[in-house]
Each structure stands twice: as C-alpha cells, then as structure tokens.
Amino acid sequence: PDAFIGPMAELLRDLEGTEQAKCTGRDNLTT
C-alpha cells in the first residue's frame, strides 16, 4: 500500500503551499 501516500501527499503539500502537485486533474487529462 506504500505508494498510495504519494498523490495524497502531493495534494496536501499543494494546499499548504509548500510544493505544487504534479498529478493534477488538468495534467491527468493527457494520460
């Protein structure tokens, strides 16, 4: 289960203003 922390951590860091998320909905449109 370890990798499942990644996207949630991305989101929380983005919301707290420390690092922009990469797996955003806008980015995921290309996938």
Full PDB file with SEQRES, HELIX, SHEET, SSBOND, CRYST1, ORIGX, SCALE, CONECT and MASTER records, all heavy atoms in Angstrom:
SEQRES   1 A   31  PRO ASP ALA PHE ILE GLY PRO MET ALA GLU LEU LEU ARG          
SEQRES   2 A   31  ASP LEU GLU GLY THR GLU GLN ALA LYS CYS THR GLY ARG          
SEQRES   3 A   31  ASP ASN LEU THR THR                                          
HELIX    1 AA1 ASP A    2  PHE A    4  5                                   3    
HELIX    2 AA2 ILE A    5  GLU A   16  1                                  12    
HELIX    3 AA3 GLY A   25  ASN A   28  1                                   4    
CRYST1    1.000    1.000    1.000  90.00  90.00  90.00 P 1           1          
ORIGX1      1.000000  0.000000  0.000000        0.00000                         
ORIGX2      0.000000  1.000000  0.000000        0.00000                         
ORIGX3      0.000000  0.000000  1.000000        0.00000                         
SCALE1      1.000000  0.000000  0.000000        0.00000                         
SCALE2      0.000000  1.000000  0.000000        0.00000                         
SCALE3      0.000000  0.000000  1.000000        0.00000                         
ATOM      1  N   PRO A   1       0.792  -1.223   0.000  1.00  0.00           N  
ATOM      2  CA  PRO A   1       0.000   0.000   0.000  1.00  0.00           C  
ATOM      3  C   PRO A   1       0.831   1.284   0.000  1.00  0.00           C  
ATOM      4  O   PRO A   1       0.291   2.382  -0.032  1.00  0.00           O  
ATOM      5  CB  PRO A   1      -0.756  -0.109   1.326  1.00  0.00           C  
ATOM      6  CG  PRO A   1       0.277  -0.702   2.248  1.00  0.00           C  
ATOM      7  CD  PRO A   1       1.075  -1.676   1.400  1.00  0.00           C  
ATOM      8  N   ASP A   2       2.158   1.159   0.013  1.00  0.00           N  
ATOM      9  CA  ASP A   2       3.013   2.309   0.348  1.00  0.00           C  
ATOM     10  C   ASP A   2       2.913   3.468  -0.636  1.00  0.00           C  
ATOM     11  O   ASP A   2       2.978   4.630  -0.233  1.00  0.00           O  
ATOM     12  CB  ASP A   2       4.471   1.847   0.471  1.00  0.00           C  
ATOM     13  CG  ASP A   2       4.649   0.756   1.507  1.00  0.00           C  
ATOM     14  OD1 ASP A   2       4.409   1.035   2.690  1.00  0.00           O  
ATOM     15  OD2 ASP A   2       4.982  -0.377   1.130  1.00  0.00           O  
ATOM     16  N   ALA A   3       2.764   3.154  -1.930  1.00  0.00           N  
ATOM     17  CA  ALA A   3       2.744   4.225  -2.930  1.00  0.00           C  
ATOM     18  C   ALA A   3       1.493   5.083  -2.842  1.00  0.00           C  
ATOM     19  O   ALA A   3       1.454   6.189  -3.402  1.00  0.00           O  
ATOM     20  CB  ALA A   3       2.873   3.630  -4.330  1.00  0.00           C  
ATOM     21  N   PHE A   4       0.482   4.615  -2.125  1.00  0.00           N  
ATOM     22  CA  PHE A   4      -0.782   5.353  -2.078  1.00  0.00           C  
ATOM     23  C   PHE A   4      -0.674   6.645  -1.269  1.00  0.00           C  
ATOM     24  O   PHE A   4      -1.573   7.494  -1.340  1.00  0.00           O  
ATOM     25  CB  PHE A   4      -1.890   4.460  -1.509  1.00  0.00           C  
ATOM     26  CG  PHE A   4      -2.435   3.478  -2.508  1.00  0.00           C  
ATOM     27  CD1 PHE A   4      -1.671   2.384  -2.908  1.00  0.00           C  
ATOM     28  CD2 PHE A   4      -3.687   3.658  -3.062  1.00  0.00           C  
ATOM     29  CE1 PHE A   4      -2.162   1.479  -3.837  1.00  0.00           C  
ATOM     30  CE2 PHE A   4      -4.187   2.758  -3.999  1.00  0.00           C  
ATOM     31  CZ  PHE A   4      -3.424   1.656  -4.391  1.00  0.00           C  
ATOM     32  N   ILE A   5       0.393   6.819  -0.528  1.00  0.00           N  
ATOM     33  CA  ILE A   5       0.580   8.084   0.164  1.00  0.00           C  
ATOM     34  C   ILE A   5       0.971   9.190  -0.815  1.00  0.00           C  
ATOM     35  O   ILE A   5       0.723  10.380  -0.563  1.00  0.00           O  
ATOM     36  CB  ILE A   5       1.650   7.952   1.277  1.00  0.00           C  
ATOM     37  CG1 ILE A   5       1.710   9.233   2.110  1.00  0.00           C  
ATOM     38  CG2 ILE A   5       3.009   7.625   0.710  1.00  0.00           C  
ATOM     39  CD1 ILE A   5       0.404   9.627   2.748  1.00  0.00           C  
ATOM     40  N   GLY A   6       1.579   8.825  -1.954  1.00  0.00           N  
ATOM     41  CA  GLY A   6       2.133   9.819  -2.869  1.00  0.00           C  
ATOM     42  C   GLY A   6       1.158  10.869  -3.355  1.00  0.00           C  
ATOM     43  O   GLY A   6       1.367  12.078  -3.138  1.00  0.00           O  
ATOM     44  N   PRO A   7       0.068  10.497  -4.035  1.00  0.00           N  
ATOM     45  CA  PRO A   7      -0.858  11.513  -4.541  1.00  0.00           C  
ATOM     46  C   PRO A   7      -1.526  12.340  -3.441  1.00  0.00           C  
ATOM     47  O   PRO A   7      -1.719  13.543  -3.608  1.00  0.00           O  
ATOM     48  CB  PRO A   7      -1.886  10.681  -5.329  1.00  0.00           C  
ATOM     49  CG  PRO A   7      -1.122   9.467  -5.751  1.00  0.00           C  
ATOM     50  CD  PRO A   7      -0.232   9.158  -4.584  1.00  0.00           C  
ATOM     51  N   MET A   8      -1.880  11.701  -2.328  1.00  0.00           N  
ATOM     52  CA  MET A   8      -2.480  12.472  -1.238  1.00  0.00           C  
ATOM     53  C   MET A   8      -1.469  13.459  -0.660  1.00  0.00           C  
ATOM     54  O   MET A   8      -1.807  14.621  -0.370  1.00  0.00           O  
ATOM     55  CB  MET A   8      -2.994  11.531  -0.134  1.00  0.00           C  
ATOM     56  CG  MET A   8      -3.547  12.259   1.083  1.00  0.00           C  
ATOM     57  SD  MET A   8      -4.899  13.414   0.729  1.00  0.00           S  
ATOM     58  CE  MET A   8      -6.278  12.274   0.579  1.00  0.00           C  
ATOM     59  N   ALA A   9      -0.230  13.042  -0.515  1.00  0.00           N  
ATOM     60  CA  ALA A   9       0.809  13.954  -0.019  1.00  0.00           C  
ATOM     61  C   ALA A   9       1.008  15.112  -0.993  1.00  0.00           C  
ATOM     62  O   ALA A   9       1.211  16.258  -0.574  1.00  0.00           O  
ATOM     63  CB  ALA A   9       2.117  13.200   0.201  1.00  0.00           C  
ATOM     64  N   GLU A  10       0.966  14.807  -2.289  1.00  0.00           N  
ATOM     65  CA  GLU A  10       1.037  15.871  -3.313  1.00  0.00           C  
ATOM     66  C   GLU A  10      -0.048  16.907  -3.077  1.00  0.00           C  
ATOM     67  O   GLU A  10       0.192  18.117  -3.097  1.00  0.00           O  
ATOM     68  CB  GLU A  10       0.847  15.280  -4.719  1.00  0.00           C  
ATOM     69  CG  GLU A  10       2.102  14.866  -5.425  1.00  0.00           C  
ATOM     70  CD  GLU A  10       1.880  14.744  -6.930  1.00  0.00           C  
ATOM     71  OE1 GLU A  10       0.921  15.358  -7.445  1.00  0.00           O  
ATOM     72  OE2 GLU A  10       2.675  14.059  -7.584  1.00  0.00           O  
ATOM     73  N   LEU A  11      -1.268  16.423  -2.905  1.00  0.00           N  
ATOM     74  CA  LEU A  11      -2.401  17.329  -2.727  1.00  0.00           C  
ATOM     75  C   LEU A  11      -2.247  18.165  -1.471  1.00  0.00           C  
ATOM     76  O   LEU A  11      -2.447  19.395  -1.494  1.00  0.00           O  
ATOM     77  CB  LEU A  11      -3.694  16.508  -2.672  1.00  0.00           C  
ATOM     78  CG  LEU A  11      -4.981  17.271  -2.370  1.00  0.00           C  
ATOM     79  CD1 LEU A  11      -5.220  18.366  -3.399  1.00  0.00           C  
ATOM     80  CD2 LEU A  11      -6.171  16.316  -2.317  1.00  0.00           C  
ATOM     81  N   LEU A  12      -1.864  17.544  -0.363  1.00  0.00           N  
ATOM     82  CA  LEU A  12      -1.742  18.278   0.896  1.00  0.00           C  
ATOM     83  C   LEU A  12      -0.603  19.292   0.849  1.00  0.00           C  
ATOM     84  O   LEU A  12      -0.732  20.407   1.372  1.00  0.00           O  
ATOM     85  CB  LEU A  12      -1.544  17.301   2.054  1.00  0.00           C  
ATOM     86  CG  LEU A  12      -2.710  16.338   2.318  1.00  0.00           C  
ATOM     87  CD1 LEU A  12      -2.386  15.408   3.483  1.00  0.00           C  
ATOM     88  CD2 LEU A  12      -4.003  17.097   2.584  1.00  0.00           C  
ATOM     89  N   ARG A  13       0.517  18.920   0.224  1.00  0.00           N  
ATOM     90  CA  ARG A  13       1.624  19.884   0.099  1.00  0.00           C  
ATOM     91  C   ARG A  13       1.203  21.074  -0.761  1.00  0.00           C  
ATOM     92  O   ARG A  13       1.573  22.222  -0.480  1.00  0.00           O  
ATOM     93  CB  ARG A  13       2.856  19.206  -0.496  1.00  0.00           C  
ATOM     94  CG  ARG A  13       3.576  18.261   0.451  1.00  0.00           C  
ATOM     95  CD  ARG A  13       4.980  17.931  -0.040  1.00  0.00           C  
ATOM     96  NE  ARG A  13       4.955  17.307  -1.352  1.00  0.00           N  
ATOM     97  CZ  ARG A  13       4.935  15.999  -1.566  1.00  0.00           C  
ATOM     98  NH1 ARG A  13       4.908  15.171  -0.538  1.00  0.00           N  
ATOM     99  NH2 ARG A  13       4.930  15.513  -2.794  1.00  0.00           N  
ATOM    100  N   ASP A  14       0.449  20.794  -1.816  1.00  0.00           N  
ATOM    101  CA  ASP A  14      -0.030  21.872  -2.677  1.00  0.00           C  
ATOM    102  C   ASP A  14      -0.941  22.814  -1.893  1.00  0.00           C  
ATOM    103  O   ASP A  14      -0.805  24.045  -1.969  1.00  0.00           O  
ATOM    104  CB  ASP A  14      -0.778  21.270  -3.871  1.00  0.00           C  
ATOM    105  CG  ASP A  14      -1.022  22.291  -4.976  1.00  0.00           C  
ATOM    106  OD1 ASP A  14      -1.609  23.347  -4.684  1.00  0.00           O  
ATOM    107  OD2 ASP A  14      -0.641  22.026  -6.136  1.00  0.00           O  
ATOM    108  N   LEU A  15      -1.844  22.244  -1.120  1.00  0.00           N  
ATOM    109  CA  LEU A  15      -2.792  23.068  -0.366  1.00  0.00           C  
ATOM    110  C   LEU A  15      -2.108  23.888   0.710  1.00  0.00           C  
ATOM    111  O   LEU A  15      -2.554  25.003   1.025  1.00  0.00           O  
ATOM    112  CB  LEU A  15      -3.874  22.178   0.250  1.00  0.00           C  
ATOM    113  CG  LEU A  15      -4.834  21.516  -0.745  1.00  0.00           C  
ATOM    114  CD1 LEU A  15      -5.755  20.534  -0.031  1.00  0.00           C  
ATOM    115  CD2 LEU A  15      -5.644  22.559  -1.503  1.00  0.00           C  
ATOM    116  N   GLU A  16      -1.030  23.367   1.288  1.00  0.00           N  
ATOM    117  CA  GLU A  16      -0.319  24.133   2.308  1.00  0.00           C  
ATOM    118  C   GLU A  16       0.703  25.084   1.693  1.00  0.00           C  
ATOM    119  O   GLU A  16       1.332  25.870   2.397  1.00  0.00           O  
ATOM    120  CB  GLU A  16       0.368  23.204   3.304  1.00  0.00           C  
ATOM    121  CG  GLU A  16       1.544  22.433   2.767  1.00  0.00           C  
ATOM    122  CD  GLU A  16       2.127  21.457   3.787  1.00  0.00           C  
ATOM    123  OE1 GLU A  16       1.487  21.249   4.844  1.00  0.00           O  
ATOM    124  OE2 GLU A  16       3.203  20.900   3.512  1.00  0.00           O  
ATOM    125  N   GLY A  17       0.872  25.016   0.372  1.00  0.00           N  
ATOM    126  CA  GLY A  17       1.721  25.966  -0.332  1.00  0.00           C  
ATOM    127  C   GLY A  17       3.192  25.645  -0.340  1.00  0.00           C  
ATOM    128  O   GLY A  17       4.014  26.519  -0.649  1.00  0.00           O  
ATOM    129  N   THR A  18       3.564  24.393  -0.046  1.00  0.00           N  
ATOM    130  CA  THR A  18       4.982  24.043   0.003  1.00  0.00           C  
ATOM    131  C   THR A  18       5.510  23.456  -1.311  1.00  0.00           C  
ATOM    132  O   THR A  18       6.698  23.549  -1.585  1.00  0.00           O  
ATOM    133  CB  THR A  18       5.255  23.040   1.140  1.00  0.00           C  
ATOM    134  OG1 THR A  18       4.405  21.897   0.978  1.00  0.00           O  
ATOM    135  CG2 THR A  18       4.970  23.672   2.487  1.00  0.00           C  
ATOM    136  N   GLU A  19       4.634  22.826  -2.107  1.00  0.00           N  
ATOM    137  CA  GLU A  19       5.069  22.242  -3.369  1.00  0.00           C  
ATOM    138  C   GLU A  19       3.856  22.009  -4.264  1.00  0.00           C  
ATOM    139  O   GLU A  19       2.841  21.468  -3.809  1.00  0.00           O  
ATOM    140  CB  GLU A  19       5.798  20.908  -3.135  1.00  0.00           C  
ATOM    141  CG  GLU A  19       6.397  20.300  -4.392  1.00  0.00           C  
ATOM    142  CD  GLU A  19       7.137  19.005  -4.102  1.00  0.00           C  
ATOM    143  OE1 GLU A  19       7.344  18.695  -2.912  1.00  0.00           O  
ATOM    144  OE2 GLU A  19       7.508  18.309  -5.057  1.00  0.00           O  
ATOM    145  N   GLN A  20       3.952  22.387  -5.519  1.00  0.00           N  
ATOM    146  CA  GLN A  20       2.833  22.207  -6.432  1.00  0.00           C  
ATOM    147  C   GLN A  20       2.636  20.732  -6.768  1.00  0.00           C  
ATOM    148  O   GLN A  20       3.604  19.997  -6.991  1.00  0.00           O  
ATOM    149  CB  GLN A  20       3.047  22.998  -7.718  1.00  0.00           C  
ATOM    150  CG  GLN A  20       2.870  24.500  -7.566  1.00  0.00           C  
ATOM    151  CD  GLN A  20       2.874  25.222  -8.902  1.00  0.00           C  
ATOM    152  OE1 GLN A  20       3.390  24.717  -9.896  1.00  0.00           O  
ATOM    153  NE2 GLN A  20       2.304  26.405  -8.936  1.00  0.00           N  
ATOM    154  N   ALA A  21       1.383  20.305  -6.820  1.00  0.00           N  
ATOM    155  CA  ALA A  21       1.061  18.935  -7.202  1.00  0.00           C  
ATOM    156  C   ALA A  21       1.350  18.718  -8.681  1.00  0.00           C  
ATOM    157  O   ALA A  21       1.236  19.639  -9.491  1.00  0.00           O  
ATOM    158  CB  ALA A  21      -0.402  18.648  -6.907  1.00  0.00           C  
ATOM    159  N   LYS A  22       1.742  17.494  -9.018  1.00  0.00           N  
ATOM    160  CA  LYS A  22       2.029  17.148 -10.408  1.00  0.00           C  
ATOM    161  C   LYS A  22       0.904  16.328 -11.029  1.00  0.00           C  
ATOM    162  O   LYS A  22       0.621  16.452 -12.208  1.00  0.00           O  
ATOM    163  CB  LYS A  22       3.348  16.381 -10.488  1.00  0.00           C  
ATOM    164  CG  LYS A  22       4.555  17.180 -10.008  1.00  0.00           C  
ATOM    165  CD  LYS A  22       5.834  16.360 -10.108  1.00  0.00           C  
ATOM    166  CE  LYS A  22       7.048  17.174  -9.665  1.00  0.00           C  
ATOM    167  NZ  LYS A  22       6.981  17.547  -8.232  1.00  0.00           N  
ATOM    168  N   CYS A  23       0.276  15.447 -10.244  1.00  0.00           N  
ATOM    169  CA  CYS A  23      -0.807  14.587 -10.761  1.00  0.00           C  
ATOM    170  C   CYS A  23      -2.145  15.319 -10.709  1.00  0.00           C  
ATOM    171  O   CYS A  23      -3.150  14.769 -10.238  1.00  0.00           O  
ATOM    172  CB  CYS A  23      -0.893  13.299  -9.963  1.00  0.00           C  
ATOM    173  SG  CYS A  23       0.511  12.207 -10.115  1.00  0.00           S  
ATOM    174  N   THR A  24      -2.179  16.555 -11.177  1.00  0.00           N  
ATOM    175  CA  THR A  24      -3.415  17.330 -11.118  1.00  0.00           C  
ATOM    176  C   THR A  24      -4.425  16.791 -12.120  1.00  0.00           C  
ATOM    177  O   THR A  24      -4.086  16.069 -13.065  1.00  0.00           O  
ATOM    178  CB  THR A  24      -3.139  18.800 -11.425  1.00  0.00           C  
ATOM    179  OG1 THR A  24      -2.644  18.915 -12.771  1.00  0.00           O  
ATOM    180  CG2 THR A  24      -2.112  19.381 -10.449  1.00  0.00           C  
ATOM    181  N   GLY A  25      -5.675  17.175 -11.914  1.00  0.00           N  
ATOM    182  CA  GLY A  25      -6.691  16.792 -12.876  1.00  0.00           C  
ATOM    183  C   GLY A  25      -6.365  17.290 -14.260  1.00  0.00           C  
ATOM    184  O   GLY A  25      -6.534  16.570 -15.261  1.00  0.00           O  
ATOM    185  N   ARG A  26      -5.865  18.513 -14.354  1.00  0.00           N  
ATOM    186  CA  ARG A  26      -5.520  19.092 -15.670  1.00  0.00           C  
ATOM    187  C   ARG A  26      -4.409  18.291 -16.330  1.00  0.00           C  
ATOM    188  O   ARG A  26      -4.484  17.982 -17.523  1.00  0.00           O  
ATOM    189  CB  ARG A  26      -5.110  20.552 -15.474  1.00  0.00           C  
ATOM    190  CG  ARG A  26      -4.708  21.294 -16.742  1.00  0.00           C  
ATOM    191  CD  ARG A  26      -5.854  21.479 -17.694  1.00  0.00           C  
ATOM    192  NE  ARG A  26      -6.939  22.288 -17.158  1.00  0.00           N  
ATOM    193  CZ  ARG A  26      -8.101  22.460 -17.784  1.00  0.00           C  
ATOM    194  NH1 ARG A  26      -8.327  21.869 -18.959  1.00  0.00           N  
ATOM    195  NH2 ARG A  26      -9.061  23.192 -17.243  1.00  0.00           N  
ATOM    196  N   ASP A  27      -3.386  17.941 -15.587  1.00  0.00           N  
ATOM    197  CA  ASP A  27      -2.296  17.139 -16.145  1.00  0.00           C  
ATOM    198  C   ASP A  27      -2.789  15.749 -16.541  1.00  0.00           C  
ATOM    199  O   ASP A  27      -2.402  15.209 -17.575  1.00  0.00           O  
ATOM    200  CB  ASP A  27      -1.162  17.007 -15.134  1.00  0.00           C  
ATOM    201  CG  ASP A  27      -0.072  16.053 -15.602  1.00  0.00           C  
ATOM    202  OD1 ASP A  27       0.777  16.471 -16.407  1.00  0.00           O  
ATOM    203  OD2 ASP A  27      -0.088  14.879 -15.181  1.00  0.00           O  
ATOM    204  N   ASN A  28      -3.656  15.162 -15.732  1.00  0.00           N  
ATOM    205  CA  ASN A  28      -4.101  13.797 -15.970  1.00  0.00           C  
ATOM    206  C   ASN A  28      -4.940  13.667 -17.231  1.00  0.00           C  
ATOM    207  O   ASN A  28      -5.112  12.553 -17.756  1.00  0.00           O  
ATOM    208  CB  ASN A  28      -4.882  13.289 -14.758  1.00  0.00           C  
ATOM    209  CG  ASN A  28      -5.140  11.803 -14.820  1.00  0.00           C  
ATOM    210  OD1 ASN A  28      -6.282  11.375 -14.967  1.00  0.00           O  
ATOM    211  ND2 ASN A  28      -4.089  11.005 -14.732  1.00  0.00           N  
ATOM    212  N   LEU A  29      -5.454  14.781 -17.751  1.00  0.00           N  
ATOM    213  CA  LEU A  29      -6.211  14.712 -18.999  1.00  0.00           C  
ATOM    214  C   LEU A  29      -5.376  14.121 -20.132  1.00  0.00           C  
ATOM    215  O   LEU A  29      -5.901  13.424 -21.007  1.00  0.00           O  
ATOM    216  CB  LEU A  29      -6.722  16.099 -19.387  1.00  0.00           C  
ATOM    217  CG  LEU A  29      -7.807  16.695 -18.477  1.00  0.00           C  
ATOM    218  CD1 LEU A  29      -8.170  18.100 -18.941  1.00  0.00           C  
ATOM    219  CD2 LEU A  29      -9.040  15.806 -18.433  1.00  0.00           C  
ATOM    220  N   THR A  30      -4.068  14.371 -20.105  1.00  0.00           N  
ATOM    221  CA  THR A  30      -3.219  13.820 -21.161  1.00  0.00           C  
ATOM    222  C   THR A  30      -3.085  12.310 -21.027  1.00  0.00           C  
ATOM    223  O   THR A  30      -3.060  11.587 -22.027  1.00  0.00           O  
ATOM    224  CB  THR A  30      -1.831  14.492 -21.140  1.00  0.00           C  
ATOM    225  OG1 THR A  30      -1.990  15.911 -21.212  1.00  0.00           O  
ATOM    226  CG2 THR A  30      -0.991  14.031 -22.328  1.00  0.00           C  
ATOM    227  N   THR A  31      -3.002  11.805 -19.801  1.00  0.00           N  
ATOM    228  CA  THR A  31      -2.997  10.349 -19.616  1.00  0.00           C  
ATOM    229  C   THR A  31      -4.291   9.743 -20.146  1.00  0.00           C  
ATOM    230  O   THR A  31      -4.278   8.715 -20.835  1.00  0.00           O  
ATOM    231  CB  THR A  31      -2.815  10.001 -18.134  1.00  0.00           C  
ATOM    232  OG1 THR A  31      -1.506  10.422 -17.713  1.00  0.00           O  
ATOM    233  CG2 THR A  31      -2.944   8.510 -17.891  1.00  0.00           C  
TER     234      THR A  31                                                      
MASTER        0    0    0    3    0    0    0    6  233    1    0    3          
END                                                                             
